Amino acid sequence: TFRVERGELVIARILHGGMVAQQGLLHVGDV
């Protein structure tokens, strides 16, 4: 999921078991 911070889209949450969590390439806070 994403949130808007200072006009940019930031990763707000990574759901356990989802594709992004399995790959481990993205992290909470990444823009």
PDB file of all heavy atoms in Angstrom:
ATOM      1  N   THR A   1       0.849  -1.187   0.000  1.00  0.00           N
ATOM      2  CA  THR A   1       0.000   0.000   0.000  1.00  0.00           C
ATOM      3  C   THR A   1       0.888   1.242   0.000  1.00  0.00           C
ATOM      4  O   THR A   1       2.059   1.178   0.395  1.00  0.00           O
ATOM      5  CB  THR A   1      -0.938   0.043   1.222  1.00  0.00           C
ATOM      6  OG1 THR A   1      -0.149   0.076   2.413  1.00  0.00           O
ATOM      7  CG2 THR A   1      -1.861  -1.168   1.246  1.00  0.00           C
ATOM      8  N   PHE A   2       0.321   2.363  -0.444  1.00  0.00           N
ATOM      9  CA  PHE A   2       1.079   3.601  -0.590  1.00  0.00           C
ATOM     10  C   PHE A   2       0.410   4.735   0.173  1.00  0.00           C
ATOM     11  O   PHE A   2      -0.787   4.704   0.429  1.00  0.00           O
ATOM     12  CB  PHE A   2       1.170   3.990  -2.075  1.00  0.00           C
ATOM     13  CG  PHE A   2       1.774   2.926  -2.930  1.00  0.00           C
ATOM     14  CD1 PHE A   2       0.971   2.061  -3.656  1.00  0.00           C
ATOM     15  CD2 PHE A   2       3.143   2.777  -3.010  1.00  0.00           C
ATOM     16  CE1 PHE A   2       1.522   1.071  -4.447  1.00  0.00           C
ATOM     17  CE2 PHE A   2       3.705   1.784  -3.791  1.00  0.00           C
ATOM     18  CZ  PHE A   2       2.889   0.929  -4.518  1.00  0.00           C
ATOM     19  N   ARG A   3       1.214   5.742   0.520  1.00  0.00           N
ATOM     20  CA  ARG A   3       0.701   6.976   1.117  1.00  0.00           C
ATOM     21  C   ARG A   3       1.433   8.134   0.441  1.00  0.00           C
ATOM     22  O   ARG A   3       2.482   7.945  -0.180  1.00  0.00           O
ATOM     23  CB  ARG A   3       0.918   6.989   2.627  1.00  0.00           C
ATOM     24  CG  ARG A   3       2.361   7.098   3.054  1.00  0.00           C
ATOM     25  CD  ARG A   3       2.517   7.175   4.574  1.00  0.00           C
ATOM     26  NE  ARG A   3       3.903   7.255   4.957  1.00  0.00           N
ATOM     27  CZ  ARG A   3       4.681   6.221   5.247  1.00  0.00           C
ATOM     28  NH1 ARG A   3       4.197   4.989   5.204  1.00  0.00           N
ATOM     29  NH2 ARG A   3       5.942   6.402   5.587  1.00  0.00           N
ATOM     30  N   VAL A   4       0.865   9.317   0.570  1.00  0.00           N
ATOM     31  CA  VAL A   4       1.487  10.504  -0.010  1.00  0.00           C
ATOM     32  C   VAL A   4       2.241  11.234   1.094  1.00  0.00           C
ATOM     33  O   VAL A   4       1.691  11.524   2.147  1.00  0.00           O
ATOM     34  CB  VAL A   4       0.425  11.437  -0.642  1.00  0.00           C
ATOM     35  CG1 VAL A   4       1.083  12.685  -1.215  1.00  0.00           C
ATOM     36  CG2 VAL A   4      -0.359  10.700  -1.707  1.00  0.00           C
ATOM     37  N   GLU A   5       3.518  11.505   0.840  1.00  0.00           N
ATOM     38  CA  GLU A   5       4.363  12.280   1.761  1.00  0.00           C
ATOM     39  C   GLU A   5       5.092  13.337   0.952  1.00  0.00           C
ATOM     40  O   GLU A   5       5.812  12.997   0.016  1.00  0.00           O
ATOM     41  CB  GLU A   5       5.399  11.380   2.451  1.00  0.00           C
ATOM     42  CG  GLU A   5       4.931  10.664   3.656  1.00  0.00           C
ATOM     43  CD  GLU A   5       6.072   9.900   4.348  1.00  0.00           C
ATOM     44  OE1 GLU A   5       7.264  10.200   4.102  1.00  0.00           O
ATOM     45  OE2 GLU A   5       5.753   8.999   5.113  1.00  0.00           O
ATOM     46  N   ARG A   6       4.904  14.588   1.313  1.00  0.00           N
ATOM     47  CA  ARG A   6       5.569  15.702   0.614  1.00  0.00           C
ATOM     48  C   ARG A   6       5.378  15.603  -0.900  1.00  0.00           C
ATOM     49  O   ARG A   6       6.303  15.828  -1.675  1.00  0.00           O
ATOM     50  CB  ARG A   6       7.056  15.747   0.980  1.00  0.00           C
ATOM     51  CG  ARG A   6       7.296  16.047   2.450  1.00  0.00           C
ATOM     52  CD  ARG A   6       8.773  16.098   2.796  1.00  0.00           C
ATOM     53  NE  ARG A   6       9.523  14.888   2.514  1.00  0.00           N
ATOM     54  CZ  ARG A   6       9.570  13.811   3.308  1.00  0.00           C
ATOM     55  NH1 ARG A   6       8.907  13.814   4.447  1.00  0.00           N
ATOM     56  NH2 ARG A   6      10.282  12.764   2.987  1.00  0.00           N
ATOM     57  N   GLY A   7       4.176  15.209  -1.329  1.00  0.00           N
ATOM     58  CA  GLY A   7       3.857  15.138  -2.750  1.00  0.00           C
ATOM     59  C   GLY A   7       4.408  13.929  -3.479  1.00  0.00           C
ATOM     60  O   GLY A   7       4.332  13.862  -4.701  1.00  0.00           O
ATOM     61  N   GLU A   8       4.978  12.967  -2.743  1.00  0.00           N
ATOM     62  CA  GLU A   8       5.542  11.774  -3.369  1.00  0.00           C
ATOM     63  C   GLU A   8       4.832  10.528  -2.841  1.00  0.00           C
ATOM     64  O   GLU A   8       4.322  10.522  -1.716  1.00  0.00           O
ATOM     65  CB  GLU A   8       7.040  11.655  -3.064  1.00  0.00           C
ATOM     66  CG  GLU A   8       7.860  12.799  -3.624  1.00  0.00           C
ATOM     67  CD  GLU A   8       9.336  12.620  -3.361  1.00  0.00           C
ATOM     68  OE1 GLU A   8       9.713  12.456  -2.190  1.00  0.00           O
ATOM     69  OE2 GLU A   8      10.092  12.628  -4.334  1.00  0.00           O
ATOM     70  N   LEU A   9       4.823   9.478  -3.665  1.00  0.00           N
ATOM     71  CA  LEU A   9       4.202   8.215  -3.256  1.00  0.00           C
ATOM     72  C   LEU A   9       5.234   7.348  -2.545  1.00  0.00           C
ATOM     73  O   LEU A   9       6.290   7.031  -3.096  1.00  0.00           O
ATOM     74  CB  LEU A   9       3.635   7.486  -4.470  1.00  0.00           C
ATOM     75  CG  LEU A   9       2.431   8.166  -5.092  1.00  0.00           C
ATOM     76  CD1 LEU A   9       1.998   7.456  -6.354  1.00  0.00           C
ATOM     77  CD2 LEU A   9       1.277   8.213  -4.102  1.00  0.00           C
ATOM     78  N   VAL A  10       4.900   6.995  -1.309  1.00  0.00           N
ATOM     79  CA  VAL A  10       5.804   6.247  -0.442  1.00  0.00           C
ATOM     80  C   VAL A  10       5.140   4.924  -0.079  1.00  0.00           C
ATOM     81  O   VAL A  10       3.922   4.870   0.136  1.00  0.00           O
ATOM     82  CB  VAL A  10       6.095   7.069   0.849  1.00  0.00           C
ATOM     83  CG1 VAL A  10       6.970   6.308   1.810  1.00  0.00           C
ATOM     84  CG2 VAL A  10       6.709   8.406   0.488  1.00  0.00           C
ATOM     85  N   ILE A  11       5.932   3.864   0.002  1.00  0.00           N
ATOM     86  CA  ILE A  11       5.393   2.574   0.429  1.00  0.00           C
ATOM     87  C   ILE A  11       5.032   2.682   1.903  1.00  0.00           C
ATOM     88  O   ILE A  11       5.888   2.941   2.750  1.00  0.00           O
ATOM     89  CB  ILE A  11       6.393   1.438   0.196  1.00  0.00           C
ATOM     90  CG1 ILE A  11       6.637   1.272  -1.304  1.00  0.00           C
ATOM     91  CG2 ILE A  11       5.879   0.131   0.804  1.00  0.00           C
ATOM     92  CD1 ILE A  11       7.642   0.217  -1.663  1.00  0.00           C
ATOM     93  N   ALA A  12       3.741   2.496   2.194  1.00  0.00           N
ATOM     94  CA  ALA A  12       3.250   2.620   3.564  1.00  0.00           C
ATOM     95  C   ALA A  12       3.277   1.290   4.291  1.00  0.00           C
ATOM     96  O   ALA A  12       3.573   1.222   5.484  1.00  0.00           O
ATOM     97  CB  ALA A  12       1.821   3.167   3.561  1.00  0.00           C
ATOM     98  N   ARG A  13       2.970   0.214   3.553  1.00  0.00           N
ATOM     99  CA  ARG A  13       2.860  -1.086   4.203  1.00  0.00           C
ATOM    100  C   ARG A  13       3.134  -2.179   3.174  1.00  0.00           C
ATOM    101  O   ARG A  13       2.746  -2.067   2.016  1.00  0.00           O
ATOM    102  CB  ARG A  13       1.456  -1.237   4.768  1.00  0.00           C
ATOM    103  CG  ARG A  13       1.235  -2.435   5.622  1.00  0.00           C
ATOM    104  CD  ARG A  13      -0.112  -2.413   6.255  1.00  0.00           C
ATOM    105  NE  ARG A  13      -1.141  -2.064   5.258  1.00  0.00           N
ATOM    106  CZ  ARG A  13      -2.420  -2.060   5.482  1.00  0.00           C
ATOM    107  NH1 ARG A  13      -2.871  -2.345   6.677  1.00  0.00           N
ATOM    108  NH2 ARG A  13      -3.274  -1.745   4.542  1.00  0.00           N
ATOM    109  N   ILE A  14       3.797  -3.223   3.610  1.00  0.00           N
ATOM    110  CA  ILE A  14       4.026  -4.403   2.777  1.00  0.00           C
ATOM    111  C   ILE A  14       3.335  -5.564   3.472  1.00  0.00           C
ATOM    112  O   ILE A  14       3.636  -5.870   4.631  1.00  0.00           O
ATOM    113  CB  ILE A  14       5.526  -4.680   2.588  1.00  0.00           C
ATOM    114  CG1 ILE A  14       6.169  -3.515   1.832  1.00  0.00           C
ATOM    115  CG2 ILE A  14       5.740  -5.998   1.851  1.00  0.00           C
ATOM    116  CD1 ILE A  14       7.665  -3.602   1.694  1.00  0.00           C
ATOM    117  N   LEU A  15       2.395  -6.169   2.755  1.00  0.00           N
ATOM    118  CA  LEU A  15       1.606  -7.246   3.341  1.00  0.00           C
ATOM    119  C   LEU A  15       2.391  -8.559   3.358  1.00  0.00           C
ATOM    120  O   LEU A  15       2.956  -8.959   2.335  1.00  0.00           O
ATOM    121  CB  LEU A  15       0.299  -7.420   2.569  1.00  0.00           C
ATOM    122  CG  LEU A  15      -0.546  -6.152   2.453  1.00  0.00           C
ATOM    123  CD1 LEU A  15      -1.750  -6.395   1.569  1.00  0.00           C
ATOM    124  CD2 LEU A  15      -0.976  -5.673   3.817  1.00  0.00           C
ATOM    125  N   HIS A  16       2.405  -9.195   4.514  1.00  0.00           N
ATOM    126  CA  HIS A  16       3.107 -10.472   4.672  1.00  0.00           C
ATOM    127  C   HIS A  16       2.555 -11.504   3.694  1.00  0.00           C
ATOM    128  O   HIS A  16       1.347 -11.655   3.566  1.00  0.00           O
ATOM    129  CB  HIS A  16       2.955 -10.967   6.116  1.00  0.00           C
ATOM    130  CG  HIS A  16       3.639 -12.274   6.349  1.00  0.00           C
ATOM    131  ND1 HIS A  16       5.000 -12.364   6.432  1.00  0.00           N
ATOM    132  CD2 HIS A  16       3.150 -13.531   6.490  1.00  0.00           C
ATOM    133  CE1 HIS A  16       5.331 -13.635   6.621  1.00  0.00           C
ATOM    134  NE2 HIS A  16       4.217 -14.353   6.660  1.00  0.00           N
ATOM    135  N   GLY A  17       3.441 -12.183   2.989  1.00  0.00           N
ATOM    136  CA  GLY A  17       3.025 -13.216   2.048  1.00  0.00           C
ATOM    137  C   GLY A  17       2.783 -12.709   0.643  1.00  0.00           C
ATOM    138  O   GLY A  17       2.636 -13.502  -0.282  1.00  0.00           O
ATOM    139  N   GLY A  18       2.722 -11.386   0.444  1.00  0.00           N
ATOM    140  CA  GLY A  18       2.512 -10.825  -0.884  1.00  0.00           C
ATOM    141  C   GLY A  18       3.770 -10.934  -1.736  1.00  0.00           C
ATOM    142  O   GLY A  18       4.857 -11.258  -1.244  1.00  0.00           O
ATOM    143  N   MET A  19       3.632 -10.650  -3.019  1.00  0.00           N
ATOM    144  CA  MET A  19       4.750 -10.767  -3.945  1.00  0.00           C
ATOM    145  C   MET A  19       5.935  -9.885  -3.529  1.00  0.00           C
ATOM    146  O   MET A  19       7.079 -10.313  -3.544  1.00  0.00           O
ATOM    147  CB  MET A  19       4.310 -10.389  -5.356  1.00  0.00           C
ATOM    148  CG  MET A  19       5.450 -10.475  -6.368  1.00  0.00           C
ATOM    149  SD  MET A  19       5.091  -9.742  -7.955  1.00  0.00           S
ATOM    150  CE  MET A  19       3.704 -10.714  -8.454  1.00  0.00           C
ATOM    151  N   VAL A  20       5.648  -8.651  -3.138  1.00  0.00           N
ATOM    152  CA  VAL A  20       6.717  -7.735  -2.741  1.00  0.00           C
ATOM    153  C   VAL A  20       7.443  -8.250  -1.502  1.00  0.00           C
ATOM    154  O   VAL A  20       8.672  -8.204  -1.423  1.00  0.00           O
ATOM    155  CB  VAL A  20       6.155  -6.311  -2.518  1.00  0.00           C
ATOM    156  CG1 VAL A  20       7.168  -5.413  -1.850  1.00  0.00           C
ATOM    157  CG2 VAL A  20       5.726  -5.709  -3.854  1.00  0.00           C
ATOM    158  N   ALA A  21       6.701  -8.772  -0.529  1.00  0.00           N
ATOM    159  CA  ALA A  21       7.329  -9.316   0.680  1.00  0.00           C
ATOM    160  C   ALA A  21       8.192 -10.525   0.340  1.00  0.00           C
ATOM    161  O   ALA A  21       9.287 -10.692   0.893  1.00  0.00           O
ATOM    162  CB  ALA A  21       6.261  -9.701   1.701  1.00  0.00           C
ATOM    163  N   GLN A  22       7.742 -11.371  -0.560  1.00  0.00           N
ATOM    164  CA  GLN A  22       8.494 -12.562  -0.937  1.00  0.00           C
ATOM    165  C   GLN A  22       9.789 -12.207  -1.648  1.00  0.00           C
ATOM    166  O   GLN A  22      10.817 -12.832  -1.434  1.00  0.00           O
ATOM    167  CB  GLN A  22       7.648 -13.467  -1.822  1.00  0.00           C
ATOM    168  CG  GLN A  22       6.505 -14.130  -1.098  1.00  0.00           C
ATOM    169  CD  GLN A  22       5.594 -14.905  -2.041  1.00  0.00           C
ATOM    170  OE1 GLN A  22       5.837 -14.996  -3.238  1.00  0.00           O
ATOM    171  NE2 GLN A  22       4.522 -15.455  -1.494  1.00  0.00           N
ATOM    172  N   GLN A  23       9.743 -11.178  -2.500  1.00  0.00           N
ATOM    173  CA  GLN A  23      10.942 -10.799  -3.249  1.00  0.00           C
ATOM    174  C   GLN A  23      11.932 -10.008  -2.398  1.00  0.00           C
ATOM    175  O   GLN A  23      13.132 -10.080  -2.617  1.00  0.00           O
ATOM    176  CB  GLN A  23      10.563  -9.999  -4.491  1.00  0.00           C
ATOM    177  CG  GLN A  23       9.857 -10.836  -5.517  1.00  0.00           C
ATOM    178  CD  GLN A  23       9.523 -10.062  -6.768  1.00  0.00           C
ATOM    179  OE1 GLN A  23       9.815  -8.869  -6.901  1.00  0.00           O
ATOM    180  NE2 GLN A  23       8.904 -10.738  -7.715  1.00  0.00           N
ATOM    181  N   GLY A  24      11.433  -9.231  -1.439  1.00  0.00           N
ATOM    182  CA  GLY A  24      12.313  -8.486  -0.541  1.00  0.00           C
ATOM    183  C   GLY A  24      13.073  -7.347  -1.188  1.00  0.00           C
ATOM    184  O   GLY A  24      14.082  -6.905  -0.651  1.00  0.00           O
ATOM    185  N   LEU A  25      12.605  -6.847  -2.330  1.00  0.00           N
ATOM    186  CA  LEU A  25      13.329  -5.786  -3.036  1.00  0.00           C
ATOM    187  C   LEU A  25      12.851  -4.389  -2.678  1.00  0.00           C
ATOM    188  O   LEU A  25      13.559  -3.414  -2.904  1.00  0.00           O
ATOM    189  CB  LEU A  25      13.186  -5.991  -4.553  1.00  0.00           C
ATOM    190  CG  LEU A  25      13.761  -7.298  -5.089  1.00  0.00           C
ATOM    191  CD1 LEU A  25      13.411  -7.457  -6.564  1.00  0.00           C
ATOM    192  CD2 LEU A  25      15.265  -7.346  -4.877  1.00  0.00           C
ATOM    193  N   LEU A  26      11.635  -4.287  -2.150  1.00  0.00           N
ATOM    194  CA  LEU A  26      11.081  -2.994  -1.755  1.00  0.00           C
ATOM    195  C   LEU A  26      10.880  -2.977  -0.251  1.00  0.00           C
ATOM    196  O   LEU A  26      10.690  -4.025   0.367  1.00  0.00           O
ATOM    197  CB  LEU A  26       9.747  -2.750  -2.462  1.00  0.00           C
ATOM    198  CG  LEU A  26       9.795  -2.699  -3.992  1.00  0.00           C
ATOM    199  CD1 LEU A  26       8.396  -2.630  -4.571  1.00  0.00           C
ATOM    200  CD2 LEU A  26      10.632  -1.526  -4.459  1.00  0.00           C
ATOM    201  N   HIS A  27      10.908  -1.777   0.328  1.00  0.00           N
ATOM    202  CA  HIS A  27      10.809  -1.642   1.781  1.00  0.00           C
ATOM    203  C   HIS A  27       9.876  -0.488   2.137  1.00  0.00           C
ATOM    204  O   HIS A  27       9.725   0.459   1.356  1.00  0.00           O
ATOM    205  CB  HIS A  27      12.191  -1.409   2.392  1.00  0.00           C
ATOM    206  CG  HIS A  27      13.176  -2.457   1.988  1.00  0.00           C
ATOM    207  ND1 HIS A  27      13.194  -3.713   2.548  1.00  0.00           N
ATOM    208  CD2 HIS A  27      14.153  -2.446   1.046  1.00  0.00           C
ATOM    209  CE1 HIS A  27      14.151  -4.420   1.978  1.00  0.00           C
ATOM    210  NE2 HIS A  27      14.749  -3.686   1.064  1.00  0.00           N
ATOM    211  N   VAL A  28       9.297  -0.566   3.306  1.00  0.00           N
ATOM    212  CA  VAL A  28       8.460   0.521   3.800  1.00  0.00           C
ATOM    213  C   VAL A  28       9.304   1.792   3.835  1.00  0.00           C
ATOM    214  O   VAL A  28      10.445   1.788   4.296  1.00  0.00           O
ATOM    215  CB  VAL A  28       7.897   0.192   5.200  1.00  0.00           C
ATOM    216  CG1 VAL A  28       7.213   1.401   5.808  1.00  0.00           C
ATOM    217  CG2 VAL A  28       6.944  -0.989   5.124  1.00  0.00           C
ATOM    218  N   GLY A  29       8.740   2.872   3.314  1.00  0.00           N
ATOM    219  CA  GLY A  29       9.456   4.146   3.270  1.00  0.00           C
ATOM    220  C   GLY A  29      10.092   4.440   1.919  1.00  0.00           C
ATOM    221  O   GLY A  29      10.469   5.586   1.654  1.00  0.00           O
ATOM    222  N   ASP A  30      10.236   3.428   1.040  1.00  0.00           N
ATOM    223  CA  ASP A  30      10.780   3.669  -0.294  1.00  0.00           C
ATOM    224  C   ASP A  30       9.819   4.567  -1.067  1.00  0.00           C
ATOM    225  O   ASP A  30       8.607   4.412  -0.984  1.00  0.00           O
ATOM    226  CB  ASP A  30      10.961   2.367  -1.073  1.00  0.00           C
ATOM    227  CG  ASP A  30      12.096   1.496  -0.538  1.00  0.00           C
ATOM    228  OD1 ASP A  30      12.864   1.973   0.313  1.00  0.00           O
ATOM    229  OD2 ASP A  30      12.202   0.344  -0.995  1.00  0.00           O
ATOM    230  N   VAL A  31      10.365   5.507  -1.827  1.00  0.00           N
ATOM    231  CA  VAL A  31       9.567   6.411  -2.656  1.00  0.00           C
ATOM    232  C   VAL A  31       9.525   5.843  -4.069  1.00  0.00           C
ATOM    233  O   VAL A  31      10.561   5.528  -4.650  1.00  0.00           O
ATOM    234  CB  VAL A  31      10.179   7.831  -2.680  1.00  0.00           C
ATOM    235  CG1 VAL A  31       9.400   8.744  -3.601  1.00  0.00           C
ATOM    236  CG2 VAL A  31      10.249   8.406  -1.275  1.00  0.00           C
TER     237      VAL A  31
END
